[in-house]
C-alpha atoms as a PDB file:
ATOM      1  CA  MET A   1    -124.304  41.460 -59.419  1.00  0.00           C
ATOM      2  CA  PRO A   2    -127.235  41.668 -62.238  1.00  0.00           C
ATOM      3  CA  ALA A   3    -129.780  43.083 -59.894  1.00  0.00           C
ATOM      4  CA  THR A   4    -126.975  45.104 -58.410  1.00  0.00           C
ATOM      5  CA  GLY A   5    -125.593  45.781 -61.783  1.00  0.00           C
ATOM      6  CA  ARG A   6    -128.799  46.633 -62.931  1.00  0.00           C
ATOM      7  CA  VAL A   7    -129.647  49.296 -60.132  1.00  0.00           C
ATOM      8  CA  PHE A   8    -125.946  50.598 -60.768  1.00  0.00           C
ATOM      9  CA  LEU A   9    -127.292  51.353 -64.365  1.00  0.00           C
ATOM     10  CA  GLU A  10    -130.236  52.714 -63.593  1.00  0.00           C
ATOM     11  CA  GLU A  11    -129.016  55.157 -60.917  1.00  0.00           C
ATOM     12  CA  ALA A  12    -126.019  56.369 -63.906  1.00  0.00           C
ATOM     13  CA  ARG A  13    -128.748  56.862 -66.290  1.00  0.00           C
ATOM     14  CA  HIS A  14    -130.961  58.828 -63.915  1.00  0.00           C
ATOM     15  CA  HIS A  15    -128.076  61.205 -62.546  1.00  0.00           C
ATOM     16  CA  LEU A  16    -126.867  62.078 -66.040  1.00  0.00           C
ATOM     17  CA  SER A  17    -130.448  62.813 -67.969  1.00  0.00           C
ATOM     18  CA  ALA A  18    -132.909  63.766 -65.024  1.00  0.00           C
ATOM     19  CA  ASP A  19    -130.562  65.730 -62.133  1.00  0.00           C
ATOM     20  CA  TYR A  20    -127.345  66.770 -64.327  1.00  0.00           C
ATOM     21  CA  LEU A  21    -128.579  67.508 -67.591  1.00  0.00           C
ATOM     22  CA  PRO A  22    -131.966  69.514 -66.499  1.00  0.00           C
ATOM     23  CA  LYS A  23    -129.353  71.225 -64.114  1.00  0.00           C
ATOM     24  CA  ILE A  24    -126.836  72.455 -66.721  1.00  0.00           C
ATOM     25  CA  GLU A  25    -130.184  73.573 -68.778  1.00  0.00           C
ATOM     26  CA  ARG A  26    -131.433  75.518 -65.802  1.00  0.00           C
ATOM     27  CA  CYS A  27    -128.090  77.512 -65.728  1.00  0.00           C
ATOM     28  CA  LEU A  28    -127.904  78.235 -69.821  1.00  0.00           C
ATOM     29  CA  GLU A  29    -131.656  79.668 -69.678  1.00  0.00           C
ATOM     30  CA  ARG A  30    -130.064  82.334 -67.525  1.00  0.00           C
ATOM     31  CA  LEU A  31    -126.706  83.127 -68.829  1.00  0.00           C
ATOM     32  CA  THR A  32    -126.125  84.992 -72.300  1.00  0.00           C
ATOM     33  CA  ASP A  33    -123.552  83.536 -75.039  1.00  0.00           C
ATOM     34  CA  GLU A  34    -120.887  85.940 -74.114  1.00  0.00           C
ATOM     35  CA  GLN A  35    -121.535  84.944 -70.408  1.00  0.00           C
ATOM     36  CA  VAL A  36    -121.175  81.139 -71.554  1.00  0.00           C
ATOM     37  CA  TRP A  37    -117.692  82.291 -73.385  1.00  0.00           C
ATOM     38  CA  TRP A  38    -116.603  84.248 -70.297  1.00  0.00           C
ATOM     39  CA  ARG A  39    -113.016  82.915 -68.272  1.00  0.00           C
ATOM     40  CA  ALA A  40    -111.513  84.138 -65.253  1.00  0.00           C
ATOM     41  CA  GLY A  41    -108.059  84.442 -67.061  1.00  0.00           C
ATOM     42  CA  GLU A  42    -106.414  82.607 -70.316  1.00  0.00           C
ATOM     43  CA  HIS A  43    -105.495  79.190 -68.050  1.00  0.00           C
ATOM     44  CA  SER A  44    -109.294  78.763 -67.137  1.00  0.00           C
ATOM     45  CA  ASN A  45    -112.310  77.113 -68.754  1.00  0.00           C
ATOM     46  CA  SER A  46    -115.416  78.739 -69.939  1.00  0.00           C
ATOM     47  CA  ILE A  47    -118.813  76.968 -69.630  1.00  0.00           C
ATOM     48  CA  GLY A  48    -118.522  76.745 -73.095  1.00  0.00           C
ATOM     49  CA  ASN A  49    -115.392  74.744 -72.830  1.00  0.00           C
ATOM     50  CA  LEU A  50    -116.962  72.997 -70.460  1.00  0.00           C
ATOM     51  CA  LEU A  51    -120.126  71.701 -72.344  1.00  0.00           C
ATOM     52  CA  LEU A  52    -117.943  70.756 -74.862  1.00  0.00           C
ATOM     53  CA  HIS A  53    -115.626  68.803 -72.538  1.00  0.00           C
ATOM     54  CA  LEU A  54    -118.580  66.832 -71.290  1.00  0.00           C
ATOM     55  CA  GLU A  55    -119.874  66.072 -74.484  1.00  0.00           C
ATOM     56  CA  GLY A  56    -116.904  64.207 -75.129  1.00  0.00           C
ATOM     57  CA  ASN A  57    -115.959  62.725 -72.425  1.00  0.00           C
ATOM     58  CA  LEU A  58    -118.905  61.072 -72.322  1.00  0.00           C
ATOM     59  CA  ARG A  59    -119.520  59.902 -75.936  1.00  0.00           C
ATOM     60  CA  GLN A  60    -115.492  58.873 -75.202  1.00  0.00           C
ATOM     61  CA  TRP A  61    -116.200  56.671 -72.051  1.00  0.00           C
ATOM     62  CA  VAL A  62    -120.009  55.522 -72.391  1.00  0.00           C
ATOM     63  CA  VAL A  63    -121.222  55.329 -76.125  1.00  0.00           C
ATOM     64  CA  CYS A  64    -117.997  54.730 -77.558  1.00  0.00           C
ATOM     65  CA  GLY A  65    -116.486  52.730 -74.731  1.00  0.00           C
ATOM     66  CA  ALA A  66    -119.455  51.128 -73.202  1.00  0.00           C
ATOM     67  CA  GLY A  67    -121.771  51.142 -76.996  1.00  0.00           C
ATOM     68  CA  GLY A  68    -118.290  49.971 -79.082  1.00  0.00           C
ATOM     69  CA  ARG A  69    -118.551  52.772 -81.046  1.00  0.00           C
ATOM     70  CA  ALA A  70    -115.777  54.683 -83.019  1.00  0.00           C
ATOM     71  CA  ASP A  71    -113.419  57.073 -80.882  1.00  0.00           C
ATOM     72  CA  LEU A  72    -112.670  60.023 -82.884  1.00  0.00           C
ATOM     73  CA  ARG A  73    -112.527  62.458 -79.875  1.00  0.00           C
ATOM     74  CA  GLU A  74    -109.800  65.118 -79.952  1.00  0.00           C
ATOM     75  CA  ARG A  75    -110.042  66.168 -75.960  1.00  0.00           C
ATOM     76  CA  ASP A  76    -107.562  69.510 -76.726  1.00  0.00           C
ATOM     77  CA  ARG A  77    -109.969  70.743 -79.218  1.00  0.00           C
ATOM     78  CA  GLU A  78    -112.701  70.863 -76.527  1.00  0.00           C
ATOM     79  CA  PHE A  79    -110.307  73.454 -74.222  1.00  0.00           C
ATOM     80  CA  ALA A  80    -108.884  75.412 -76.968  1.00  0.00           C
ATOM     81  CA  GLU A  81    -112.064  76.305 -78.478  1.00  0.00           C
ATOM     82  CA  ARG A  82    -112.603  80.173 -78.293  1.00  0.00           C
ATOM     83  CA  ARG A  83    -115.340  80.727 -81.037  1.00  0.00           C
ATOM     84  CA  ARG A  84    -118.655  81.677 -79.263  1.00  0.00           C
ATOM     85  CA  LEU A  85    -120.671  79.101 -80.251  1.00  0.00           C
ATOM     86  CA  PRO A  86    -124.408  79.327 -79.097  1.00  0.00           C
ATOM     87  CA  ARG A  87    -125.419  78.193 -76.270  1.00  0.00           C
ATOM     88  CA  GLU A  88    -128.517  76.751 -77.878  1.00  0.00           C
ATOM     89  CA  GLU A  89    -126.390  75.159 -80.042  1.00  0.00           C
ATOM     90  CA  LEU A  90    -123.941  73.669 -77.226  1.00  0.00           C
ATOM     91  CA  VAL A  91    -126.818  72.027 -75.109  1.00  0.00           C
ATOM     92  CA  ALA A  92    -128.491  70.289 -77.952  1.00  0.00           C
ATOM     93  CA  ASP A  93    -125.153  69.080 -78.797  1.00  0.00           C
ATOM     94  CA  LEU A  94    -125.041  67.878 -74.644  1.00  0.00           C
ATOM     95  CA  ARG A  95    -128.626  66.680 -74.765  1.00  0.00           C
ATOM     96  CA  ALA A  96    -127.662  64.205 -77.947  1.00  0.00           C
ATOM     97  CA  ALA A  97    -124.793  62.751 -76.383  1.00  0.00           C
ATOM     98  CA  VAL A  98    -126.805  62.407 -72.895  1.00  0.00           C
ATOM     99  CA  ALA A  99    -128.828  60.739 -75.094  1.00  0.00           C
ATOM    100  CA  GLU A 100    -126.703  58.560 -77.081  1.00  0.00           C
ATOM    101  CA  ALA A 101    -125.241  57.551 -73.312  1.00  0.00           C
ATOM    102  CA  ASP A 102    -128.785  56.943 -71.903  1.00  0.00           C
ATOM    103  CA  ALA A 103    -129.349  54.389 -74.894  1.00  0.00           C
ATOM    104  CA  VAL A 104    -126.087  52.490 -74.803  1.00  0.00           C
ATOM    105  CA  LEU A 105    -127.206  52.380 -70.972  1.00  0.00           C
ATOM    106  CA  ALA A 106    -130.621  50.824 -71.071  1.00  0.00           C
ATOM    107  CA  ARG A 107    -129.071  48.109 -73.804  1.00  0.00           C
ATOM    108  CA  LEU A 108    -126.127  47.150 -71.535  1.00  0.00           C
ATOM    109  CA  ASP A 109    -126.117  43.994 -69.768  1.00  0.00           C
ATOM    110  CA  ALA A 110    -125.260  44.357 -66.417  1.00  0.00           C
ATOM    111  CA  SER A 111    -123.328  40.705 -66.148  1.00  0.00           C
ATOM    112  CA  ALA A 112    -121.009  42.672 -68.696  1.00  0.00           C
ATOM    113  CA  LEU A 113    -120.011  45.473 -66.143  1.00  0.00           C
ATOM    114  CA  LEU A 114    -117.174  43.231 -65.119  1.00  0.00           C
ATOM    115  CA  GLU A 115    -116.120  43.594 -68.739  1.00  0.00           C
ATOM    116  CA  THR A 116    -112.575  45.151 -69.756  1.00  0.00           C
ATOM    117  CA  ARG A 117    -112.716  47.663 -72.657  1.00  0.00           C
ATOM    118  CA  ARG A 118    -110.029  50.244 -73.638  1.00  0.00           C
ATOM    119  CA  VAL A 119    -111.318  53.996 -72.761  1.00  0.00           C
ATOM    120  CA  GLN A 120    -108.869  56.752 -72.926  1.00  0.00           C
ATOM    121  CA  GLY A 121    -105.408  54.661 -73.510  1.00  0.00           C
ATOM    122  CA  LEU A 122    -106.452  53.016 -70.064  1.00  0.00           C
ATOM    123  CA  ASP A 123    -108.003  49.113 -69.515  1.00  0.00           C
ATOM    124  CA  VAL A 124    -110.860  49.488 -67.512  1.00  0.00           C
ATOM    125  CA  THR A 125    -113.975  47.564 -66.621  1.00  0.00           C
ATOM    126  CA  LEU A 126    -117.095  48.522 -68.259  1.00  0.00           C
ATOM    127  CA  LEU A 127    -118.508  49.432 -64.123  1.00  0.00           C
ATOM    128  CA  ALA A 128    -115.811  52.006 -63.852  1.00  0.00           C
ATOM    129  CA  ALA A 129    -116.119  53.147 -67.181  1.00  0.00           C
ATOM    130  CA  VAL A 130    -120.019  54.091 -66.517  1.00  0.00           C
ATOM    131  CA  PHE A 131    -118.924  55.656 -62.901  1.00  0.00           C
ATOM    132  CA  HIS A 132    -116.071  57.698 -64.009  1.00  0.00           C
ATOM    133  CA  ALA A 133    -119.200  59.162 -67.039  1.00  0.00           C
ATOM    134  CA  VAL A 134    -121.240  59.735 -64.293  1.00  0.00           C
ATOM    135  CA  GLU A 135    -118.695  61.052 -61.633  1.00  0.00           C
ATOM    136  CA  HIS A 136    -117.161  63.445 -64.085  1.00  0.00           C
ATOM    137  CA  PHE A 137    -120.408  64.869 -65.466  1.00  0.00           C
ATOM    138  CA  SER A 138    -121.158  65.527 -61.647  1.00  0.00           C
ATOM    139  CA  MET A 139    -118.156  67.381 -60.923  1.00  0.00           C
ATOM    140  CA  HIS A 140    -118.534  69.757 -64.439  1.00  0.00           C
ATOM    141  CA  THR A 141    -122.151  69.808 -63.205  1.00  0.00           C
ATOM    142  CA  GLY A 142    -120.886  71.597 -60.030  1.00  0.00           C
ATOM    143  CA  GLN A 143    -118.423  74.176 -61.976  1.00  0.00           C
ATOM    144  CA  ILE A 144    -121.334  75.161 -64.194  1.00  0.00           C
ATOM    145  CA  VAL A 145    -123.739  75.814 -61.411  1.00  0.00           C
ATOM    146  CA  LEU A 146    -120.979  77.425 -59.439  1.00  0.00           C
ATOM    147  CA  LEU A 147    -119.970  79.726 -62.452  1.00  0.00           C
ATOM    148  CA  THR A 148    -123.694  80.426 -63.495  1.00  0.00           C
ATOM    149  CA  LYS A 149    -123.754  82.184 -59.883  1.00  0.00           C
ATOM    150  CA  MET A 150    -121.369  83.750 -60.173  1.00  0.00           C
ATOM    151  CA  LEU A 151    -122.242  85.638 -63.506  1.00  0.00           C
ATOM    152  CA  ALA A 152    -126.155  85.869 -63.173  1.00  0.00           C
ATOM    153  CA  GLY A 153    -126.602  85.762 -59.428  1.00  0.00           C
ATOM    154  CA  GLY A 154    -129.227  85.048 -57.550  1.00  0.00           C
ATOM    155  CA  ASP A 155    -130.524  81.703 -56.688  1.00  0.00           C
ATOM    156  CA  LEU A 156    -130.857  78.648 -59.229  1.00  0.00           C
ATOM    157  CA  ALA A 157    -134.174  77.293 -57.913  1.00  0.00           C
ATOM    158  CA  PHE A 158    -133.397  73.749 -58.821  1.00  0.00           C
ATOM    159  CA  TYR A 159    -135.749  72.315 -55.498  1.00  0.00           C
ATOM    160  CA  ASP A 160    -138.284  73.545 -54.083  1.00  0.00           C
ATOM    161  CA  PHE A 161    -138.497  72.522 -50.192  1.00  0.00           C
ATOM    162  CA  SER A 162    -141.847  73.708 -49.337  1.00  0.00           C
ATOM    163  CA  SER A 163    -143.368  70.711 -48.087  1.00  0.00           C
ATOM    164  CA  GLY A 164    -140.081  69.764 -46.276  1.00  0.00           C
ATOM    165  CA  VAL A 165    -138.789  67.495 -48.810  1.00  0.00           C
ATOM    166  CA  PRO A 166    -136.832  68.864 -51.813  1.00  0.00           C
ATOM    167  CA  ARG A 167    -138.532  68.441 -55.025  1.00  0.00           C
ATOM    168  CA  SER A 168    -136.593  69.217 -58.128  1.00  0.00           C
ATOM    169  CA  ASN A 169    -138.635  72.196 -60.040  1.00  0.00           C
ATOM    170  CA  TRP A 170    -138.087  70.681 -63.596  1.00  0.00           C
ATOM    171  CA  GLY A 171    -140.371  68.166 -65.086  1.00  0.00           C
ATOM    172  CA  ALA A 172    -143.359  66.366 -64.152  1.00  0.00           C
ATOM    173  CA  ALA A 173    -141.996  63.155 -63.612  1.00  0.00           C
ATOM    174  CA  GLU A 174    -139.678  64.377 -61.274  1.00  0.00           C
ATOM    175  CA  ASN A 175    -141.918  66.011 -58.859  1.00  0.00           C
END
């Protein structure tokens, strides 16, 4: 389990930091603050709300749940926010949450993945908490990508396919 657990934690860190976050950053580069806060209807979420939600969820499940920090999350506020917070502020806060989660995952002992913690009122293994956080981040990244394509139009050019093998278009370490 320790080798498998280490690989699982490395993959989780990679997906959050080197795959999903850069896609969100690419989206926000193409949007105005007004577009970030656009919503299809009163009961729909804006990209701004989704960014606040991703930050809160990642901190709750990884930084607090796996890392042991006190959980001060107010989940309903993430969806209730209607002020147009600047996208630079939103992405900076999300980057900070991803960095905090990455630090927790980097020091998490793989042999502890089957330990149980209480997160969001549920008793879950650390493996389940990390898996939930990564899956959740992925799902909302997809929503942000879709909304960005609707609002900004055009290809987001996440990947270069010129060599026949997809290569991400961000960061030298990825190419």
